């Protein structure tokens, strides 16, 4: 997997959370799902930056880790 795949996955998860009004700790156990996905992505790409991906998923930064435009 490449960075663009990680960004696309985060975008999909953000849409699911928005549509269903879910957040971390919601009934779908978002944290366990995210933890499992991070483990998988680390195996796929040793350069995977979990902290930056989680920040993007939470809406605290842009897809490249920078400020939100």
N, C-alpha and C. Protein backbone atom coordinates (compact mmCIF):
# COMPACT_ATOMS: atom_id res chain seq x y z
N UNK A 1 0.84 -1.18 0.00
CA UNK A 1 0.00 0.00 0.00
C UNK A 1 0.88 1.24 0.00
N UNK A 2 0.38 2.26 -0.62
CA UNK A 2 1.10 3.52 -0.68
C UNK A 2 0.33 4.58 0.08
N UNK A 3 0.98 5.72 0.27
CA UNK A 3 0.38 6.82 1.03
C UNK A 3 -1.02 7.17 0.52
N UNK A 4 -1.19 7.20 -0.79
CA UNK A 4 -2.50 7.56 -1.34
C UNK A 4 -3.58 6.57 -0.92
N UNK A 5 -3.22 5.31 -0.73
CA UNK A 5 -4.18 4.31 -0.26
C UNK A 5 -4.55 4.57 1.20
N UNK A 6 -3.56 4.95 2.01
CA UNK A 6 -3.84 5.26 3.41
C UNK A 6 -4.78 6.45 3.53
N UNK A 7 -4.57 7.46 2.69
CA UNK A 7 -5.42 8.65 2.70
C UNK A 7 -6.84 8.28 2.27
N UNK A 8 -6.96 7.49 1.22
CA UNK A 8 -8.28 7.06 0.75
C UNK A 8 -9.02 6.27 1.81
N UNK A 9 -8.32 5.41 2.53
CA UNK A 9 -8.94 4.63 3.60
C UNK A 9 -9.42 5.54 4.72
N UNK A 10 -8.62 6.51 5.10
CA UNK A 10 -9.04 7.46 6.14
C UNK A 10 -10.27 8.23 5.68
N UNK A 11 -10.30 8.64 4.42
CA UNK A 11 -11.46 9.36 3.89
C UNK A 11 -12.73 8.50 3.99
N UNK A 12 -12.63 7.24 3.67
CA UNK A 12 -13.78 6.34 3.76
C UNK A 12 -14.24 6.19 5.21
N UNK A 13 -13.30 6.02 6.14
CA UNK A 13 -13.67 5.88 7.55
C UNK A 13 -14.31 7.15 8.08
N UNK A 14 -13.81 8.31 7.65
CA UNK A 14 -14.40 9.58 8.08
C UNK A 14 -15.83 9.68 7.58
N UNK A 15 -16.09 9.23 6.35
CA UNK A 15 -17.45 9.25 5.81
C UNK A 15 -18.38 8.34 6.60
N UNK A 16 -17.91 7.15 6.95
CA UNK A 16 -18.72 6.23 7.74
C UNK A 16 -19.08 6.86 9.07
N UNK A 17 -18.11 7.45 9.74
CA UNK A 17 -18.35 8.09 11.04
C UNK A 17 -19.33 9.24 10.90
N UNK A 18 -19.19 10.04 9.84
CA UNK A 18 -20.08 11.18 9.62
C UNK A 18 -21.50 10.71 9.35
N UNK A 19 -21.67 9.74 8.46
CA UNK A 19 -23.00 9.27 8.08
C UNK A 19 -23.74 8.68 9.28
N UNK A 20 -23.02 7.93 10.10
CA UNK A 20 -23.67 7.26 11.23
C UNK A 20 -23.54 8.03 12.54
N UNK A 21 -22.91 9.19 12.51
CA UNK A 21 -22.76 9.99 13.72
C UNK A 21 -21.89 9.32 14.75
N UNK A 22 -20.89 8.58 14.29
CA UNK A 22 -20.03 7.83 15.20
C UNK A 22 -18.71 8.55 15.41
N UNK A 23 -18.09 8.25 16.49
CA UNK A 23 -16.76 8.76 16.78
C UNK A 23 -15.98 7.68 17.52
N UNK A 24 -14.77 8.00 17.90
CA UNK A 24 -13.96 7.04 18.65
C UNK A 24 -14.71 6.70 19.93
N UNK A 25 -14.82 5.42 20.23
CA UNK A 25 -15.53 4.96 21.42
C UNK A 25 -17.00 4.68 21.15
N UNK A 26 -17.46 4.85 19.91
CA UNK A 26 -18.85 4.58 19.57
C UNK A 26 -19.10 3.07 19.54
N UNK A 27 -20.34 2.71 19.32
CA UNK A 27 -20.76 1.31 19.39
C UNK A 27 -19.98 0.39 18.46
N UNK A 28 -19.48 0.90 17.34
CA UNK A 28 -18.76 0.03 16.41
C UNK A 28 -17.33 -0.23 16.84
N UNK A 29 -16.94 0.25 18.01
CA UNK A 29 -15.61 0.06 18.57
C UNK A 29 -14.54 0.54 17.60
N UNK A 30 -14.61 1.81 17.31
CA UNK A 30 -13.72 2.42 16.33
C UNK A 30 -12.25 2.21 16.68
N UNK A 31 -11.88 2.32 17.94
CA UNK A 31 -10.46 2.23 18.30
C UNK A 31 -9.88 0.85 17.97
N UNK A 32 -10.62 -0.20 18.25
CA UNK A 32 -10.13 -1.55 17.92
C UNK A 32 -9.97 -1.72 16.41
N UNK A 33 -10.92 -1.18 15.67
CA UNK A 33 -10.85 -1.26 14.21
C UNK A 33 -9.66 -0.48 13.69
N UNK A 34 -9.47 0.73 14.19
CA UNK A 34 -8.35 1.57 13.76
C UNK A 34 -7.02 0.93 14.13
N UNK A 35 -6.93 0.37 15.32
CA UNK A 35 -5.69 -0.30 15.75
C UNK A 35 -5.35 -1.46 14.81
N UNK A 36 -6.36 -2.26 14.46
CA UNK A 36 -6.14 -3.39 13.55
C UNK A 36 -5.71 -2.90 12.17
N UNK A 37 -6.35 -1.83 11.70
CA UNK A 37 -5.98 -1.28 10.39
C UNK A 37 -4.55 -0.74 10.41
N UNK A 38 -4.17 -0.07 11.48
CA UNK A 38 -2.80 0.46 11.58
C UNK A 38 -1.78 -0.67 11.56
N UNK A 39 -2.08 -1.74 12.25
CA UNK A 39 -1.17 -2.89 12.25
C UNK A 39 -1.02 -3.43 10.82
N UNK A 40 -2.13 -3.58 10.12
CA UNK A 40 -2.10 -4.06 8.74
C UNK A 40 -1.30 -3.12 7.84
N UNK A 41 -1.54 -1.82 7.96
CA UNK A 41 -0.86 -0.86 7.09
C UNK A 41 0.63 -0.79 7.37
N UNK A 42 1.03 -0.96 8.63
CA UNK A 42 2.46 -1.01 8.97
C UNK A 42 3.13 -2.20 8.31
N UNK A 43 2.40 -3.32 8.25
CA UNK A 43 2.95 -4.51 7.59
C UNK A 43 3.08 -4.30 6.08
N UNK A 44 2.16 -3.52 5.51
CA UNK A 44 2.18 -3.28 4.07
C UNK A 44 3.25 -2.27 3.65
N UNK A 45 3.53 -1.32 4.55
CA UNK A 45 4.47 -0.25 4.20
C UNK A 45 5.19 0.18 5.47
N UNK A 46 6.48 -0.11 5.54
CA UNK A 46 7.27 0.22 6.71
C UNK A 46 7.37 1.71 6.99
N UNK A 47 7.03 2.55 6.01
CA UNK A 47 7.07 4.00 6.19
C UNK A 47 5.75 4.57 6.68
N UNK A 48 4.77 3.70 6.93
CA UNK A 48 3.46 4.17 7.39
C UNK A 48 3.62 4.95 8.69
N UNK A 49 3.04 6.16 8.71
CA UNK A 49 3.13 7.04 9.87
C UNK A 49 1.78 7.01 10.59
N UNK A 50 1.66 6.17 11.60
CA UNK A 50 0.38 6.00 12.30
C UNK A 50 -0.12 7.28 12.94
N UNK A 51 0.76 8.02 13.58
CA UNK A 51 0.34 9.25 14.25
C UNK A 51 -0.24 10.25 13.26
N UNK A 52 0.40 10.43 12.12
CA UNK A 52 -0.10 11.37 11.12
C UNK A 52 -1.42 10.88 10.54
N UNK A 53 -1.54 9.57 10.29
CA UNK A 53 -2.77 9.01 9.74
C UNK A 53 -3.93 9.20 10.71
N UNK A 54 -3.68 8.94 11.99
CA UNK A 54 -4.72 9.14 13.00
C UNK A 54 -5.11 10.62 13.11
N UNK A 55 -4.14 11.51 13.00
CA UNK A 55 -4.43 12.95 13.05
C UNK A 55 -5.30 13.36 11.86
N UNK A 56 -4.99 12.83 10.69
CA UNK A 56 -5.80 13.14 9.50
C UNK A 56 -7.21 12.57 9.67
N UNK A 57 -7.30 11.35 10.14
CA UNK A 57 -8.59 10.71 10.36
C UNK A 57 -9.45 11.53 11.32
N UNK A 58 -8.83 12.11 12.33
CA UNK A 58 -9.55 12.91 13.33
C UNK A 58 -9.80 14.34 12.86
N UNK A 59 -9.27 14.70 11.68
CA UNK A 59 -9.50 16.04 11.15
C UNK A 59 -8.57 17.10 11.72
N UNK A 60 -7.45 16.69 12.33
CA UNK A 60 -6.52 17.64 12.93
C UNK A 60 -5.44 18.10 11.96
N UNK A 61 -5.35 17.49 10.78
CA UNK A 61 -4.35 17.90 9.79
C UNK A 61 -4.85 17.52 8.41
N UNK A 62 -4.13 17.98 7.39
CA UNK A 62 -4.44 17.61 6.02
C UNK A 62 -3.86 16.24 5.68
N UNK A 63 -4.10 15.75 4.47
CA UNK A 63 -3.65 14.41 4.09
C UNK A 63 -2.14 14.23 4.10
N UNK A 64 -1.39 15.29 3.98
CA UNK A 64 0.07 15.18 4.02
C UNK A 64 0.64 15.56 5.37
N UNK A 65 -0.23 15.73 6.37
CA UNK A 65 0.22 16.05 7.71
C UNK A 65 0.26 17.52 8.00
N UNK A 66 0.05 18.35 7.00
CA UNK A 66 0.11 19.80 7.20
C UNK A 66 -1.21 20.38 7.68
N UNK A 67 -1.26 21.68 7.72
CA UNK A 67 -2.47 22.38 8.14
C UNK A 67 -3.62 22.07 7.21
N UNK A 68 -4.82 22.14 7.77
CA UNK A 68 -6.04 21.94 6.98
C UNK A 68 -6.28 23.22 6.19
N UNK A 69 -6.49 23.08 4.91
CA UNK A 69 -6.70 24.24 4.03
C UNK A 69 -8.11 24.74 4.14
